[in-house]
N, C-alpha and C. Protein backbone atom coordinates (compact mmCIF):
# COMPACT_ATOMS: atom_id res chain seq x y z
N UNK A 1 95.04 91.63 140.08
CA UNK A 1 94.79 90.65 138.98
C UNK A 1 94.63 91.47 137.77
N UNK A 2 95.08 90.76 136.63
CA UNK A 2 94.81 91.58 135.05
C UNK A 2 93.40 91.38 134.84
N UNK A 3 93.16 92.45 134.16
CA UNK A 3 91.87 92.55 133.60
C UNK A 3 91.28 91.42 132.70
N UNK A 4 92.50 91.16 131.93
CA UNK A 4 91.97 90.09 130.87
C UNK A 4 91.66 88.70 131.35
N UNK A 5 92.18 88.35 132.74
CA UNK A 5 91.89 87.27 133.43
C UNK A 5 90.50 87.31 134.05
N UNK A 6 90.07 88.34 134.45
CA UNK A 6 88.64 88.51 134.88
C UNK A 6 87.43 88.30 134.01
N UNK A 7 87.72 88.74 132.60
CA UNK A 7 86.80 88.54 131.63
C UNK A 7 86.21 86.99 131.48
N UNK A 8 85.01 86.86 131.37
CA UNK A 8 84.41 85.42 131.15
C UNK A 8 83.84 85.23 129.79
N UNK A 9 83.98 86.20 128.98
CA UNK A 9 83.53 85.98 127.46
C UNK A 9 84.64 86.85 126.59
N UNK A 10 84.67 86.29 125.33
CA UNK A 10 85.55 86.97 124.42
C UNK A 10 84.77 88.03 123.94
N UNK A 11 85.34 89.00 123.09
CA UNK A 11 84.46 90.16 122.62
C UNK A 11 83.47 89.95 121.69
N UNK A 12 83.20 88.69 121.23
CA UNK A 12 82.18 88.27 120.34
C UNK A 12 81.08 87.48 121.24
N UNK A 13 81.38 87.48 122.48
CA UNK A 13 80.33 86.73 123.50
C UNK A 13 80.50 85.38 123.72
N UNK A 14 81.56 84.57 123.25
CA UNK A 14 81.66 83.42 123.53
C UNK A 14 82.26 83.14 124.94
N UNK A 15 81.87 82.11 125.67
CA UNK A 15 82.36 81.98 127.13
C UNK A 15 83.73 81.24 126.88
N UNK A 16 84.61 81.80 127.91
CA UNK A 16 85.81 81.18 127.91
C UNK A 16 85.74 79.96 128.90
N UNK A 17 85.77 78.79 128.25
CA UNK A 17 85.51 77.42 129.05
C UNK A 17 87.08 76.63 128.63
N UNK A 18 87.41 75.90 129.58
CA UNK A 18 88.49 75.07 129.17
C UNK A 18 88.64 74.55 127.73
N UNK A 19 87.38 74.09 127.28
CA UNK A 19 87.20 73.47 125.82
C UNK A 19 87.24 74.56 124.76
N UNK A 20 87.03 75.80 125.10
CA UNK A 20 86.99 76.91 124.05
C UNK A 20 88.01 77.99 124.32
N UNK A 21 88.95 77.59 124.87
CA UNK A 21 90.04 78.65 125.20
C UNK A 21 91.50 78.14 125.14
N UNK A 22 92.25 78.93 124.23
CA UNK A 22 93.74 78.73 124.15
C UNK A 22 94.36 79.63 125.24
N UNK A 23 95.22 79.26 125.90
CA UNK A 23 95.99 80.08 126.80
C UNK A 23 97.33 80.29 126.12
N UNK A 24 97.74 81.46 125.96
CA UNK A 24 99.02 81.80 125.50
C UNK A 24 100.14 81.90 126.43
N UNK A 25 101.44 81.88 126.04
CA UNK A 25 102.54 81.89 126.96
C UNK A 25 102.37 83.09 127.80
N UNK A 26 101.76 84.25 127.32
CA UNK A 26 101.75 85.60 127.91
C UNK A 26 100.54 85.59 129.09
N UNK A 27 99.82 84.37 129.01
CA UNK A 27 98.71 84.33 129.80
C UNK A 27 97.47 84.81 129.36
N UNK A 28 97.36 85.61 128.08
CA UNK A 28 96.33 86.06 127.51
C UNK A 28 95.59 84.77 126.93
N UNK A 29 94.17 84.95 126.73
CA UNK A 29 93.35 83.71 126.48
C UNK A 29 92.79 84.25 125.19
N UNK A 30 92.64 83.16 124.17
CA UNK A 30 92.04 83.38 122.86
C UNK A 30 90.90 82.47 122.68
N UNK A 31 89.70 82.85 122.20
CA UNK A 31 88.57 82.09 122.01
C UNK A 31 88.65 81.10 120.76
N UNK A 32 88.63 79.77 121.12
CA UNK A 32 88.80 78.94 119.98
C UNK A 32 87.89 79.01 118.86
N UNK A 33 86.47 79.43 119.05
CA UNK A 33 85.50 79.56 118.25
C UNK A 33 86.05 80.67 117.18
N UNK A 34 86.26 81.82 117.90
CA UNK A 34 86.95 82.83 117.06
C UNK A 34 88.08 82.66 116.22
N UNK A 35 88.88 81.90 116.77
CA UNK A 35 90.19 81.64 115.93
C UNK A 35 89.90 80.79 114.77
N UNK A 36 89.07 79.84 115.08
CA UNK A 36 88.79 78.80 113.84
C UNK A 36 87.84 79.75 112.86
N UNK A 37 86.99 80.65 113.16
CA UNK A 37 86.24 81.58 112.20
C UNK A 37 87.33 82.34 111.41
N UNK A 38 88.32 82.81 111.96
CA UNK A 38 89.39 83.73 111.57
C UNK A 38 90.32 82.84 110.65
N UNK A 39 90.57 81.67 110.99
CA UNK A 39 91.39 80.79 110.18
C UNK A 39 90.55 80.32 108.81
N UNK A 40 89.27 80.27 108.97
CA UNK A 40 88.28 79.85 107.98
C UNK A 40 88.27 81.00 106.93
N UNK A 41 88.16 82.06 107.41
CA UNK A 41 88.05 83.35 106.54
C UNK A 41 89.42 83.41 105.88
N UNK A 42 90.42 83.45 106.44
CA UNK A 42 91.88 83.50 105.84
C UNK A 42 91.92 82.53 104.81
N UNK A 43 91.50 81.17 104.91
CA UNK A 43 91.74 80.23 103.93
C UNK A 43 90.78 80.33 102.86
N UNK A 44 89.63 80.90 103.12
CA UNK A 44 88.72 81.27 101.97
C UNK A 44 89.18 82.43 101.15
N UNK A 45 89.84 83.48 101.81
CA UNK A 45 90.27 84.55 100.98
C UNK A 45 91.59 84.04 100.14
N UNK A 46 92.46 83.17 100.59
CA UNK A 46 93.59 82.58 99.93
C UNK A 46 92.98 81.84 98.71
N UNK A 47 91.93 81.25 98.89
CA UNK A 47 91.45 80.49 97.67
C UNK A 47 90.61 81.34 96.66
N UNK A 48 89.96 82.39 97.08
CA UNK A 48 89.17 83.16 96.22
C UNK A 48 89.40 84.69 96.64
N UNK A 49 90.72 85.27 96.44
CA UNK A 49 90.79 86.58 96.90
C UNK A 49 89.78 87.58 96.42
N UNK A 50 89.54 88.59 97.01
CA UNK A 50 88.64 89.70 96.62
C UNK A 50 88.78 90.13 95.43
N UNK A 51 90.10 90.36 94.93
CA UNK A 51 90.22 90.98 93.55
C UNK A 51 89.79 89.84 92.47
N UNK A 52 89.53 88.81 92.68
CA UNK A 52 89.06 87.86 91.90
C UNK A 52 87.58 87.57 91.77
N UNK A 53 87.02 88.48 92.55
CA UNK A 53 85.64 88.33 92.91
C UNK A 53 84.91 88.57 91.43
N UNK A 54 83.95 87.95 91.22
CA UNK A 54 83.19 88.20 89.76
C UNK A 54 82.08 89.11 89.98
N UNK A 55 82.02 89.98 89.05
CA UNK A 55 81.17 91.30 88.92
C UNK A 55 80.33 91.23 87.56
N UNK A 56 79.01 91.19 87.76
CA UNK A 56 78.17 91.06 86.37
C UNK A 56 77.75 92.47 86.21
N UNK A 57 77.87 93.06 84.92
CA UNK A 57 77.52 94.33 84.42
C UNK A 57 77.39 94.17 82.90
N UNK A 58 76.22 94.77 82.45
CA UNK A 58 75.80 94.75 81.09
C UNK A 58 75.83 93.40 80.38
N UNK A 59 75.40 92.38 81.11
CA UNK A 59 75.19 91.12 80.59
C UNK A 59 76.41 90.39 80.44
N UNK A 60 77.68 90.85 81.17
CA UNK A 60 78.98 90.09 81.17
C UNK A 60 79.55 90.12 82.56
N UNK A 61 80.06 88.97 82.76
CA UNK A 61 80.61 88.50 84.09
C UNK A 61 82.18 88.55 83.97
N UNK A 62 82.89 89.51 84.84
CA UNK A 62 84.37 89.36 84.78
C UNK A 62 84.75 89.58 86.22
N UNK A 63 86.13 89.31 86.54
CA UNK A 63 86.75 89.62 87.92
C UNK A 63 86.86 91.18 87.91
N UNK A 64 87.19 91.68 89.08
CA UNK A 64 87.45 93.13 89.32
C UNK A 64 88.79 93.42 88.38
N UNK A 65 89.63 92.55 88.63
CA UNK A 65 90.93 92.80 87.76
C UNK A 65 90.76 92.74 86.29
N UNK A 66 89.76 91.93 85.79
CA UNK A 66 89.58 91.89 84.18
C UNK A 66 88.87 93.38 83.93
N UNK A 67 87.80 93.64 84.79
CA UNK A 67 87.31 94.95 84.47
C UNK A 67 88.13 96.06 84.54
N UNK A 68 89.19 96.23 85.37
CA UNK A 68 90.03 97.27 85.77
C UNK A 68 90.96 97.28 84.45
N UNK A 69 91.29 96.16 83.93
CA UNK A 69 92.25 96.20 82.85
C UNK A 69 91.55 96.72 81.52
N UNK A 70 90.14 96.44 81.55
CA UNK A 70 89.38 96.67 80.20
C UNK A 70 89.02 98.27 80.43
N UNK A 71 88.69 98.68 81.63
CA UNK A 71 88.38 100.15 81.70
C UNK A 71 89.26 101.02 81.81
N UNK A 72 90.58 100.57 82.16
CA UNK A 72 91.75 101.45 82.31
C UNK A 72 91.76 102.05 83.60
N UNK A 73 91.14 101.33 84.68
CA UNK A 73 90.99 101.93 85.90
C UNK A 73 91.77 100.89 86.92
N UNK A 74 92.60 101.40 87.96
CA UNK A 74 93.38 100.81 88.77
C UNK A 74 92.50 99.77 89.47
N UNK A 75 93.00 98.59 89.60
CA UNK A 75 92.10 97.51 90.21
C UNK A 75 91.78 97.92 91.65
N UNK A 76 92.77 98.58 92.36
CA UNK A 76 92.63 98.82 93.83
C UNK A 76 91.53 99.91 93.93
N UNK A 77 91.57 100.81 92.95
CA UNK A 77 90.53 101.74 92.88
C UNK A 77 89.26 101.12 92.79
N UNK A 78 88.91 100.23 91.97
CA UNK A 78 87.50 99.46 91.82
C UNK A 78 87.17 98.54 93.04
N UNK A 79 88.24 97.96 93.56
CA UNK A 79 88.09 97.17 94.94
C UNK A 79 87.77 98.18 95.96
N UNK A 80 88.35 99.41 96.06
CA UNK A 80 87.77 100.56 97.08
C UNK A 80 86.42 100.85 96.70
N UNK A 81 86.07 100.95 95.54
CA UNK A 81 84.75 101.56 95.25
C UNK A 81 83.59 100.37 95.59
N UNK A 82 83.93 99.26 95.47
CA UNK A 82 82.98 98.10 95.93
C UNK A 82 82.90 98.06 97.40
N UNK A 83 84.25 98.11 98.05
CA UNK A 83 84.12 98.02 99.41
C UNK A 83 83.53 99.33 100.25
N UNK A 84 83.26 100.35 99.39
CA UNK A 84 82.69 101.48 100.08
C UNK A 84 81.32 101.71 99.76
N UNK A 85 80.88 100.60 99.18
CA UNK A 85 79.27 100.74 98.86
C UNK A 85 78.83 101.20 97.52
N UNK A 86 79.81 101.48 96.58
CA UNK A 86 79.34 102.02 95.41
C UNK A 86 78.50 100.82 94.53
N UNK A 87 77.64 101.30 93.95
CA UNK A 87 76.85 100.45 93.05
C UNK A 87 77.75 99.96 91.87
N UNK A 88 77.47 98.76 91.31
CA UNK A 88 78.14 98.20 90.23
C UNK A 88 78.37 99.16 88.96
N UNK A 89 77.22 99.86 88.75
CA UNK A 89 77.16 100.83 87.45
C UNK A 89 78.05 101.94 87.93
N UNK A 90 77.96 102.63 89.17
CA UNK A 90 78.77 103.78 89.48
C UNK A 90 80.37 103.35 89.37
N UNK A 91 80.58 102.28 90.01
CA UNK A 91 82.07 101.83 90.14
C UNK A 91 82.60 101.74 88.82
N UNK A 92 81.81 101.08 87.93
CA UNK A 92 82.58 100.71 86.66
C UNK A 92 82.31 101.85 85.69
N UNK A 93 81.43 102.78 85.90
CA UNK A 93 81.41 103.89 84.87
C UNK A 93 81.90 105.28 85.11
N UNK A 94 82.31 105.37 86.47
CA UNK A 94 82.90 106.65 86.86
C UNK A 94 84.38 106.70 86.56
N UNK A 95 84.84 107.62 85.87
CA UNK A 95 86.24 107.75 85.27
C UNK A 95 87.06 107.84 86.48
N UNK A 96 88.34 107.09 86.33
CA UNK A 96 89.43 107.08 87.56
C UNK A 96 89.69 108.60 87.78
N UNK A 97 90.00 108.64 89.02
CA UNK A 97 90.35 109.99 89.60
C UNK A 97 91.76 110.45 89.09
N UNK A 98 91.89 111.86 89.04
CA UNK A 98 93.16 112.39 88.65
C UNK A 98 94.22 112.29 89.67
N UNK A 99 95.34 111.98 89.33
CA UNK A 99 96.41 111.74 90.43
C UNK A 99 96.29 112.73 91.54
N UNK A 100 96.29 112.45 92.75
CA UNK A 100 96.16 113.14 93.94
C UNK A 100 94.84 113.48 94.24
N UNK A 101 93.99 113.40 93.53
CA UNK A 101 92.42 113.56 93.92
C UNK A 101 91.95 112.19 94.61
N UNK A 102 91.09 112.44 95.66
CA UNK A 102 90.54 111.34 96.40
C UNK A 102 89.27 110.98 95.92
N UNK A 103 89.09 109.77 96.09
CA UNK A 103 87.68 109.09 95.61
C UNK A 103 86.77 109.51 96.60
N UNK A 104 85.37 109.39 96.22
CA UNK A 104 84.51 109.50 97.23
C UNK A 104 83.16 109.52 96.98
């Protein structure tokens, strides 16, 4: 018997019941609760992508893209900084890295 058929719960702990389980052609099961949450997250990101996230600094609120344009920093660099726990002040005031130099 395949291991995936013996499991009684998905990786997030939801029970595989007939009402909460998609069965794919391959026989693998997918938790409907997790699938709905994933679809909801994807829908939310398409409506409000992370790069359009508003950031307030020095009394002004702008998107990451707008701050990047104003400061001359690549927007992906700013997004990386915010995702890696940089404070708003540090992310917006640290000069952009030289080509080939890693952020950290």
